[in-house]
């Protein structure tokens, strides 16, 4: 079974039909993401990240020493791990913001603490974090509209910002 699949994958790679190749694995990607994330919305987000990464690598000319099916499973594993790390940072940020908003006597300190969290981020990353976690509490669609970006671009900016914040906190 794997031999025929691997041969078809090789044929699609050689023909530069990357979209068809990744599309042929989409059901597997979704199933693996659901098994790892155990949350449909999160699984779809992770699957989107997997597909985006695979397509970007293939379009840049990346070739693998192992069968493509192995690569798919490994990328799902990595993206699921990143998802849980991102969720953890996001939850910590939301908890901190909630505490800061309930402690009205210390609102100036809370604002300063929030701004300190944003140090080291680009202006665009800071804007996305402020829109999403600040008083506006906007979703990615609305942030994208305001910043004249695609929702996917905003999601990626948000993810990178959380990664930077996580690394700075470590």
N, C-alpha and C. Protein backbone atom coordinates (compact mmCIF):
# COMPACT_ATOMS: atom_id res chain seq x y z
N UNK A 1 0.82 -1.19 0.00
CA UNK A 1 0.00 0.00 0.00
C UNK A 1 0.87 1.26 0.00
N UNK A 2 1.89 1.28 0.87
CA UNK A 2 2.74 2.46 0.94
C UNK A 2 3.54 2.65 -0.35
N UNK A 3 3.93 1.54 -0.99
CA UNK A 3 4.74 1.66 -2.21
C UNK A 3 3.98 2.41 -3.30
N UNK A 4 2.71 2.08 -3.49
CA UNK A 4 1.91 2.75 -4.52
C UNK A 4 1.70 4.22 -4.14
N UNK A 5 1.43 4.47 -2.87
CA UNK A 5 1.23 5.85 -2.42
C UNK A 5 2.51 6.66 -2.56
N UNK A 6 3.62 6.07 -2.16
CA UNK A 6 4.91 6.76 -2.27
C UNK A 6 5.25 7.06 -3.73
N UNK A 7 4.93 6.13 -4.62
CA UNK A 7 5.20 6.34 -6.05
C UNK A 7 4.36 7.49 -6.59
N UNK A 8 3.10 7.54 -6.20
CA UNK A 8 2.23 8.64 -6.62
C UNK A 8 2.71 9.97 -6.06
N UNK A 9 3.14 9.96 -4.80
CA UNK A 9 3.68 11.18 -4.19
C UNK A 9 4.91 11.66 -4.95
N UNK A 10 5.79 10.75 -5.30
CA UNK A 10 7.00 11.09 -6.05
C UNK A 10 6.64 11.67 -7.41
N UNK A 11 5.65 11.07 -8.07
CA UNK A 11 5.21 11.57 -9.37
C UNK A 11 4.69 13.00 -9.26
N UNK A 12 3.87 13.27 -8.24
CA UNK A 12 3.32 14.61 -8.05
C UNK A 12 4.42 15.62 -7.71
N UNK A 13 5.38 15.19 -6.90
CA UNK A 13 6.51 16.07 -6.58
C UNK A 13 7.31 16.42 -7.82
N UNK A 14 7.62 15.42 -8.63
CA UNK A 14 8.40 15.66 -9.84
C UNK A 14 7.66 16.52 -10.85
N UNK A 15 6.33 16.44 -10.84
CA UNK A 15 5.51 17.25 -11.75
C UNK A 15 5.21 18.63 -11.15
N UNK A 16 5.74 18.90 -9.97
CA UNK A 16 5.50 20.17 -9.25
C UNK A 16 4.02 20.42 -9.01
N UNK A 17 3.27 19.37 -8.80
CA UNK A 17 1.84 19.50 -8.49
C UNK A 17 1.65 19.42 -6.98
N UNK A 18 2.19 20.44 -6.32
CA UNK A 18 2.22 20.46 -4.86
C UNK A 18 0.83 20.56 -4.25
N UNK A 19 -0.03 21.34 -4.86
CA UNK A 19 -1.39 21.49 -4.36
C UNK A 19 -2.12 20.15 -4.34
N UNK A 20 -2.01 19.41 -5.43
CA UNK A 20 -2.66 18.09 -5.49
C UNK A 20 -2.06 17.14 -4.46
N UNK A 21 -0.75 17.22 -4.30
CA UNK A 21 -0.08 16.34 -3.34
C UNK A 21 -0.59 16.61 -1.93
N UNK A 22 -0.57 17.86 -1.52
CA UNK A 22 -1.00 18.19 -0.16
C UNK A 22 -2.50 17.92 -0.01
N UNK A 23 -3.27 18.23 -1.05
CA UNK A 23 -4.72 17.98 -1.00
C UNK A 23 -5.01 16.49 -0.80
N UNK A 24 -4.19 15.63 -1.39
CA UNK A 24 -4.42 14.19 -1.24
C UNK A 24 -4.22 13.72 0.20
N UNK A 25 -3.51 14.52 1.00
CA UNK A 25 -3.28 14.19 2.40
C UNK A 25 -4.19 14.96 3.35
N UNK A 26 -5.07 15.79 2.83
CA UNK A 26 -5.85 16.67 3.70
C UNK A 26 -6.70 15.89 4.70
N UNK A 27 -7.32 14.81 4.28
CA UNK A 27 -8.12 14.00 5.21
C UNK A 27 -7.27 13.43 6.34
N UNK A 28 -6.09 12.97 5.99
CA UNK A 28 -5.15 12.44 7.00
C UNK A 28 -4.73 13.56 7.95
N UNK A 29 -4.44 14.74 7.38
CA UNK A 29 -4.01 15.87 8.20
C UNK A 29 -5.10 16.25 9.19
N UNK A 30 -6.33 16.37 8.72
CA UNK A 30 -7.45 16.73 9.61
C UNK A 30 -7.63 15.67 10.69
N UNK A 31 -7.62 14.40 10.31
CA UNK A 31 -7.81 13.32 11.29
C UNK A 31 -6.70 13.33 12.35
N UNK A 32 -5.47 13.49 11.91
CA UNK A 32 -4.34 13.51 12.87
C UNK A 32 -4.43 14.73 13.78
N UNK A 33 -4.82 15.87 13.22
CA UNK A 33 -4.95 17.09 14.03
C UNK A 33 -6.06 16.93 15.06
N UNK A 34 -7.17 16.35 14.66
CA UNK A 34 -8.27 16.12 15.61
C UNK A 34 -7.83 15.17 16.72
N UNK A 35 -7.07 14.15 16.37
CA UNK A 35 -6.61 13.19 17.38
C UNK A 35 -5.64 13.85 18.36
N UNK A 36 -4.80 14.76 17.87
CA UNK A 36 -3.81 15.39 18.73
C UNK A 36 -4.37 16.56 19.53
N UNK A 37 -5.22 17.37 18.90
CA UNK A 37 -5.71 18.60 19.54
C UNK A 37 -7.00 18.35 20.33
N UNK A 38 -7.82 17.42 19.86
CA UNK A 38 -9.08 17.05 20.53
C UNK A 38 -10.04 18.23 20.68
N UNK A 39 -10.03 19.09 19.68
CA UNK A 39 -10.90 20.25 19.67
C UNK A 39 -11.04 20.62 18.20
N UNK A 40 -12.27 20.61 17.68
CA UNK A 40 -12.45 20.80 16.24
C UNK A 40 -11.90 22.13 15.74
N UNK A 41 -12.18 23.21 16.45
CA UNK A 41 -11.69 24.52 16.00
C UNK A 41 -10.17 24.55 16.03
N UNK A 42 -9.58 24.05 17.09
CA UNK A 42 -8.13 24.01 17.20
C UNK A 42 -7.52 23.09 16.15
N UNK A 43 -8.18 21.96 15.90
CA UNK A 43 -7.68 21.01 14.90
C UNK A 43 -7.66 21.63 13.52
N UNK A 44 -8.68 22.39 13.20
CA UNK A 44 -8.72 23.04 11.88
C UNK A 44 -7.63 24.10 11.79
N UNK A 45 -7.41 24.84 12.87
CA UNK A 45 -6.32 25.83 12.88
C UNK A 45 -4.97 25.15 12.66
N UNK A 46 -4.75 24.05 13.36
CA UNK A 46 -3.48 23.33 13.23
C UNK A 46 -3.35 22.76 11.82
N UNK A 47 -4.44 22.20 11.28
CA UNK A 47 -4.40 21.65 9.92
C UNK A 47 -4.05 22.75 8.92
N UNK A 48 -4.60 23.92 9.12
CA UNK A 48 -4.28 25.05 8.25
C UNK A 48 -2.79 25.37 8.31
N UNK A 49 -2.23 25.37 9.50
CA UNK A 49 -0.80 25.63 9.67
C UNK A 49 0.03 24.55 8.98
N UNK A 50 -0.39 23.30 9.09
CA UNK A 50 0.33 22.18 8.47
C UNK A 50 0.34 22.35 6.95
N UNK A 51 -0.84 22.60 6.39
CA UNK A 51 -0.95 22.76 4.94
C UNK A 51 -0.11 23.94 4.46
N UNK A 52 -0.20 25.06 5.17
CA UNK A 52 0.57 26.25 4.78
C UNK A 52 2.07 25.96 4.81
N UNK A 53 2.51 25.27 5.84
CA UNK A 53 3.94 24.96 5.94
C UNK A 53 4.39 24.02 4.82
N UNK A 54 3.62 22.96 4.60
CA UNK A 54 4.00 22.00 3.56
C UNK A 54 4.06 22.68 2.19
N UNK A 55 3.03 23.46 1.86
CA UNK A 55 3.01 24.13 0.56
C UNK A 55 4.17 25.12 0.42
N UNK A 56 4.43 25.88 1.48
CA UNK A 56 5.53 26.85 1.43
C UNK A 56 6.87 26.15 1.22
N UNK A 57 7.10 25.06 1.94
CA UNK A 57 8.36 24.33 1.79
C UNK A 57 8.51 23.75 0.39
N UNK A 58 7.43 23.16 -0.11
CA UNK A 58 7.50 22.55 -1.44
C UNK A 58 7.72 23.61 -2.52
N UNK A 59 7.04 24.73 -2.40
CA UNK A 59 7.21 25.80 -3.40
C UNK A 59 8.61 26.40 -3.37
N UNK A 60 9.25 26.37 -2.20
CA UNK A 60 10.63 26.86 -2.09
C UNK A 60 11.64 25.84 -2.61
N UNK A 61 11.17 24.66 -2.99
CA UNK A 61 12.06 23.65 -3.54
C UNK A 61 12.55 22.62 -2.54
N UNK A 62 11.97 22.60 -1.37
CA UNK A 62 12.38 21.65 -0.34
C UNK A 62 12.06 20.23 -0.79
N UNK A 63 13.01 19.34 -0.63
CA UNK A 63 12.81 17.91 -0.91
C UNK A 63 13.20 17.14 0.33
N UNK A 64 12.59 16.00 0.52
CA UNK A 64 12.75 15.24 1.75
C UNK A 64 13.44 13.91 1.47
N UNK A 65 14.17 13.43 2.45
CA UNK A 65 14.87 12.15 2.33
C UNK A 65 13.97 10.98 2.71
N UNK A 66 12.82 11.29 3.30
CA UNK A 66 11.87 10.25 3.71
C UNK A 66 10.62 10.40 2.86
N UNK A 67 9.77 9.37 2.83
CA UNK A 67 8.52 9.49 2.06
C UNK A 67 7.68 10.68 2.56
N UNK A 68 6.95 11.28 1.65
CA UNK A 68 6.16 12.47 1.98
C UNK A 68 5.16 12.19 3.10
N UNK A 69 4.60 10.98 3.14
CA UNK A 69 3.64 10.64 4.20
C UNK A 69 4.28 10.78 5.58
N UNK A 70 5.55 10.46 5.71
CA UNK A 70 6.27 10.59 6.98
C UNK A 70 6.42 12.07 7.33
N UNK A 71 6.72 12.87 6.32
CA UNK A 71 6.85 14.32 6.52
C UNK A 71 5.53 14.90 7.02
N UNK A 72 4.43 14.49 6.42
CA UNK A 72 3.11 14.99 6.82
C UNK A 72 2.87 14.71 8.30
N UNK A 73 3.11 13.49 8.74
CA UNK A 73 2.88 13.14 10.13
C UNK A 73 3.79 13.92 11.07
N UNK A 74 5.03 14.14 10.66
CA UNK A 74 5.97 14.88 11.50
C UNK A 74 5.56 16.35 11.61
N UNK A 75 5.14 16.94 10.51
CA UNK A 75 4.72 18.35 10.54
C UNK A 75 3.45 18.50 11.38
N UNK A 76 2.54 17.55 11.31
CA UNK A 76 1.35 17.59 12.17
C UNK A 76 1.78 17.57 13.63
N UNK A 77 2.71 16.72 13.96
CA UNK A 77 3.20 16.62 15.34
C UNK A 77 3.80 17.95 15.80
N UNK A 78 4.65 18.56 14.97
CA UNK A 78 5.28 19.83 15.34
C UNK A 78 4.26 20.94 15.49
N UNK A 79 3.33 21.02 14.55
CA UNK A 79 2.34 22.10 14.59
C UNK A 79 1.39 21.92 15.77
N UNK A 80 1.07 20.68 16.14
CA UNK A 80 0.23 20.45 17.32
C UNK A 80 0.97 20.90 18.58
N UNK A 81 2.26 20.61 18.66
CA UNK A 81 3.05 21.07 19.81
C UNK A 81 3.08 22.59 19.87
N UNK A 82 3.28 23.24 18.74
CA UNK A 82 3.29 24.70 18.69
C UNK A 82 1.93 25.26 19.11
N UNK A 83 0.87 24.58 18.70
CA UNK A 83 -0.49 25.02 19.05
C UNK A 83 -0.66 25.04 20.56
N UNK A 84 -0.22 23.97 21.23
CA UNK A 84 -0.39 23.91 22.68
C UNK A 84 0.49 24.93 23.39
N UNK A 85 1.67 25.19 22.87
CA UNK A 85 2.52 26.23 23.45
C UNK A 85 1.88 27.60 23.28
N UNK A 86 1.33 27.85 22.10
CA UNK A 86 0.68 29.13 21.82
C UNK A 86 -0.56 29.30 22.69
N UNK A 87 -1.34 28.23 22.85
CA UNK A 87 -2.54 28.29 23.68
C UNK A 87 -2.16 28.62 25.11
N UNK A 88 -1.08 28.01 25.60
CA UNK A 88 -0.65 28.26 26.97
C UNK A 88 -0.29 29.73 27.17
N UNK A 89 0.48 30.30 26.25
CA UNK A 89 0.86 31.71 26.36
C UNK A 89 -0.38 32.59 26.26
N UNK A 90 -1.26 32.26 25.33
CA UNK A 90 -2.48 33.04 25.14
C UNK A 90 -3.35 33.01 26.40
N UNK A 91 -3.48 31.84 27.01
CA UNK A 91 -4.27 31.72 28.24
C UNK A 91 -3.63 32.51 29.38
N UNK A 92 -2.30 32.46 29.49
CA UNK A 92 -1.61 33.23 30.52
C UNK A 92 -1.81 34.72 30.31
N UNK A 93 -1.73 35.17 29.07
CA UNK A 93 -1.93 36.57 28.76
C UNK A 93 -3.36 36.99 29.10
N UNK A 94 -4.33 36.19 28.74
CA UNK A 94 -5.72 36.52 29.04
C UNK A 94 -5.96 36.54 30.55
N UNK A 95 -5.38 35.59 31.30
CA UNK A 95 -5.53 35.60 32.76
C UNK A 95 -4.93 36.88 33.36
N UNK A 96 -3.74 37.26 32.87
CA UNK A 96 -3.08 38.45 33.37
C UNK A 96 -3.93 39.68 33.06
N UNK A 97 -4.47 39.75 31.85
CA UNK A 97 -5.30 40.90 31.48
C UNK A 97 -6.58 40.94 32.31
N UNK A 98 -7.17 39.78 32.59
CA UNK A 98 -8.38 39.76 33.41
C UNK A 98 -8.08 40.24 34.82
N UNK A 99 -6.99 39.73 35.40
CA UNK A 99 -6.61 40.19 36.74
C UNK A 99 -6.36 41.69 36.75
N UNK A 100 -5.66 42.17 35.74
CA UNK A 100 -5.34 43.59 35.67
C UNK A 100 -6.61 44.42 35.54
N UNK A 101 -7.59 43.92 34.81
CA UNK A 101 -8.82 44.70 34.62
C UNK A 101 -9.71 44.68 35.86
N UNK A 102 -9.58 43.67 36.71
CA UNK A 102 -10.41 43.62 37.91
C UNK A 102 -9.78 44.37 39.07
N UNK A 103 -8.53 44.70 38.97
CA UNK A 103 -7.84 45.44 40.03
C UNK A 103 -7.79 46.91 39.65
N UNK A 104 -8.93 47.60 39.81
CA UNK A 104 -9.05 48.98 39.33
C UNK A 104 -8.09 49.94 40.04
N UNK A 105 -7.72 49.68 41.30
CA UNK A 105 -6.81 50.57 42.01
C UNK A 105 -5.43 50.60 41.36
N UNK A 106 -5.10 49.53 40.68
CA UNK A 106 -3.77 49.43 40.09
C UNK A 106 -3.83 49.49 38.56
N UNK A 107 -4.80 50.22 38.01
CA UNK A 107 -4.98 50.22 36.56
C UNK A 107 -3.78 50.81 35.83
N UNK A 108 -3.15 51.83 36.40
CA UNK A 108 -1.97 52.39 35.75
C UNK A 108 -0.83 51.38 35.72
N UNK A 109 -0.65 50.66 36.84
CA UNK A 109 0.38 49.63 36.87
C UNK A 109 0.04 48.51 35.89
N UNK A 110 -1.25 48.18 35.79
CA UNK A 110 -1.67 47.13 34.87
C UNK A 110 -1.39 47.54 33.44
N UNK A 111 -1.70 48.79 33.10
CA UNK A 111 -1.41 49.27 31.75
C UNK A 111 0.09 49.23 31.46
N UNK A 112 0.87 49.62 32.44
CA UNK A 112 2.33 49.60 32.26
C UNK A 112 2.82 48.16 32.11
N UNK A 113 2.22 47.25 32.87
CA UNK A 113 2.60 45.84 32.76
C UNK A 113 2.24 45.26 31.40
N UNK A 114 1.08 45.65 30.90
CA UNK A 114 0.66 45.19 29.57
C UNK A 114 1.61 45.72 28.52
N UNK A 115 1.96 46.99 28.62
CA UNK A 115 2.90 47.59 27.66
C UNK A 115 4.27 46.91 27.75
N UNK A 116 4.67 46.53 28.96
CA UNK A 116 5.96 45.85 29.12
C UNK A 116 5.95 44.50 28.41
N UNK A 117 4.80 43.83 28.40
CA UNK A 117 4.69 42.55 27.70
C UNK A 117 4.91 42.73 26.20
N UNK A 118 4.58 43.91 25.69
CA UNK A 118 4.66 44.16 24.25
C UNK A 118 6.03 44.59 23.78
N UNK A 119 6.93 44.88 24.72
CA UNK A 119 8.28 45.27 24.33
C UNK A 119 8.93 44.15 23.54
N UNK A 120 9.64 44.50 22.53
CA UNK A 120 10.30 43.50 21.70
C UNK A 120 9.46 43.05 20.52
N UNK A 121 8.20 43.50 20.46
CA UNK A 121 7.35 43.16 19.33
C UNK A 121 7.39 44.29 18.31
N UNK A 122 7.17 43.96 17.06
CA UNK A 122 7.08 45.00 16.03
C UNK A 122 5.79 45.80 16.25
N UNK A 123 5.69 46.95 15.60
CA UNK A 123 4.49 47.77 15.74
C UNK A 123 3.25 47.01 15.28
N UNK A 124 3.37 46.27 14.20
CA UNK A 124 2.25 45.50 13.68
C UNK A 124 1.84 44.41 14.68
N UNK A 125 2.81 43.72 15.25
CA UNK A 125 2.50 42.69 16.25
C UNK A 125 1.84 43.31 17.47
N UNK A 126 2.34 44.46 17.90
CA UNK A 126 1.73 45.14 19.05
C UNK A 126 0.29 45.52 18.75
N UNK A 127 0.03 46.01 17.54
CA UNK A 127 -1.33 46.39 17.17
C UNK A 127 -2.26 45.18 17.22
N UNK A 128 -1.82 44.07 16.68
CA UNK A 128 -2.65 42.86 16.67
C UNK A 128 -2.95 42.43 18.11
N UNK A 129 -1.94 42.41 18.97
CA UNK A 129 -2.14 42.00 20.37
C UNK A 129 -3.07 42.98 21.07
N UNK A 130 -2.89 44.27 20.86
CA UNK A 130 -3.77 45.26 21.49
C UNK A 130 -5.21 45.09 21.03
N UNK A 131 -5.40 44.92 19.72
CA UNK A 131 -6.76 44.75 19.21
C UNK A 131 -7.40 43.48 19.77
N UNK A 132 -6.62 42.40 19.84
CA UNK A 132 -7.19 41.11 20.23
C UNK A 132 -7.41 40.99 21.74
N UNK A 133 -6.46 41.49 22.54
CA UNK A 133 -6.54 41.30 23.98
C UNK A 133 -6.89 42.58 24.74
N UNK A 134 -6.84 43.71 24.06
CA UNK A 134 -7.12 44.98 24.74
C UNK A 134 -8.61 45.23 24.91
N UNK A 135 -8.94 46.48 25.09
CA UNK A 135 -10.33 46.86 25.32
C UNK A 135 -11.23 46.51 24.15
N UNK A 136 -10.69 46.51 22.93
CA UNK A 136 -11.50 46.21 21.74
C UNK A 136 -11.93 44.75 21.69
N UNK A 137 -11.04 43.82 22.12
CA UNK A 137 -11.32 42.38 22.14
C UNK A 137 -11.86 41.90 20.79
N UNK A 138 -11.14 42.21 19.72
CA UNK A 138 -11.59 41.89 18.36
C UNK A 138 -11.15 40.50 17.93
N UNK A 139 -11.92 39.89 17.03
CA UNK A 139 -11.51 38.62 16.45
C UNK A 139 -10.58 38.90 15.26
N UNK A 140 -9.98 37.84 14.72
CA UNK A 140 -9.00 38.00 13.66
C UNK A 140 -9.60 38.61 12.39
N UNK A 141 -10.87 38.29 12.12
CA UNK A 141 -11.53 38.85 10.93
C UNK A 141 -11.60 40.37 11.01
N UNK A 142 -12.02 40.86 12.15
CA UNK A 142 -12.17 42.31 12.32
C UNK A 142 -10.80 43.00 12.35
N UNK A 143 -9.84 42.38 13.00
CA UNK A 143 -8.48 42.94 13.02
C UNK A 143 -7.95 43.03 11.59
N UNK A 144 -8.17 41.97 10.83
CA UNK A 144 -7.71 41.95 9.44
C UNK A 144 -8.35 43.09 8.64
N UNK A 145 -9.63 43.31 8.85
CA UNK A 145 -10.32 44.39 8.15
C UNK A 145 -9.71 45.74 8.51
N UNK A 146 -9.47 45.96 9.79
CA UNK A 146 -8.92 47.24 10.24
C UNK A 146 -7.50 47.48 9.77
N UNK A 147 -6.71 46.41 9.72
CA UNK A 147 -5.31 46.55 9.31
C UNK A 147 -5.11 46.35 7.81
N UNK A 148 -6.20 46.06 7.11
CA UNK A 148 -6.16 45.80 5.67
C UNK A 148 -5.21 44.65 5.34
N UNK A 149 -5.38 43.57 6.08
CA UNK A 149 -4.62 42.34 5.90
C UNK A 149 -5.62 41.20 5.72
N UNK A 150 -5.12 40.03 5.38
CA UNK A 150 -5.99 38.86 5.34
C UNK A 150 -6.10 38.29 6.75
N UNK A 151 -7.19 37.60 7.07
CA UNK A 151 -7.29 36.97 8.39
C UNK A 151 -6.14 35.99 8.65
N UNK A 152 -5.69 35.31 7.61
CA UNK A 152 -4.57 34.38 7.78
C UNK A 152 -3.30 35.15 8.17
N UNK A 153 -3.06 36.28 7.53
CA UNK A 153 -1.88 37.08 7.86
C UNK A 153 -1.94 37.55 9.31
N UNK A 154 -3.13 37.97 9.75
CA UNK A 154 -3.29 38.43 11.14
C UNK A 154 -3.05 37.26 12.10
N UNK A 155 -3.56 36.09 11.75
CA UNK A 155 -3.35 34.92 12.59
C UNK A 155 -1.86 34.62 12.72
N UNK A 156 -1.13 34.72 11.63
CA UNK A 156 0.31 34.46 11.66
C UNK A 156 1.05 35.52 12.47
N UNK A 157 0.65 36.77 12.32
CA UNK A 157 1.27 37.85 13.09
C UNK A 157 1.02 37.61 14.58
N UNK A 158 -0.20 37.24 14.93
CA UNK A 158 -0.57 36.94 16.32
C UNK A 158 0.27 35.80 16.86
N UNK A 159 0.40 34.74 16.06
CA UNK A 159 1.17 33.58 16.48
C UNK A 159 2.63 33.96 16.73
N UNK A 160 3.23 34.71 15.79
CA UNK A 160 4.63 35.12 15.96
C UNK A 160 4.80 36.00 17.19
N UNK A 161 3.85 36.88 17.43
CA UNK A 161 3.93 37.74 18.61
C UNK A 161 3.89 36.91 19.88
N UNK A 162 2.98 35.94 19.95
CA UNK A 162 2.90 35.09 21.13
C UNK A 162 4.18 34.28 21.32
N UNK A 163 4.76 33.81 20.21
CA UNK A 163 6.02 33.07 20.29
C UNK A 163 7.12 33.95 20.87
N UNK A 164 7.21 35.19 20.40
CA UNK A 164 8.22 36.11 20.92
C UNK A 164 8.00 36.36 22.41
N UNK A 165 6.73 36.56 22.79
CA UNK A 165 6.41 36.82 24.19
C UNK A 165 6.76 35.62 25.06
N UNK A 166 6.49 34.42 24.52
CA UNK A 166 6.81 33.20 25.26
C UNK A 166 8.32 33.07 25.47
N UNK A 167 9.08 33.35 24.42
CA UNK A 167 10.54 33.26 24.52
C UNK A 167 11.08 34.31 25.48
N UNK A 168 10.51 35.51 25.45
CA UNK A 168 10.96 36.57 26.36
C UNK A 168 10.65 36.22 27.81
N UNK A 169 9.54 35.52 28.04
CA UNK A 169 9.14 35.16 29.40
C UNK A 169 9.97 34.01 29.97
N UNK A 170 10.55 33.22 29.05
CA UNK A 170 11.33 32.05 29.49
C UNK A 170 12.68 32.43 30.06
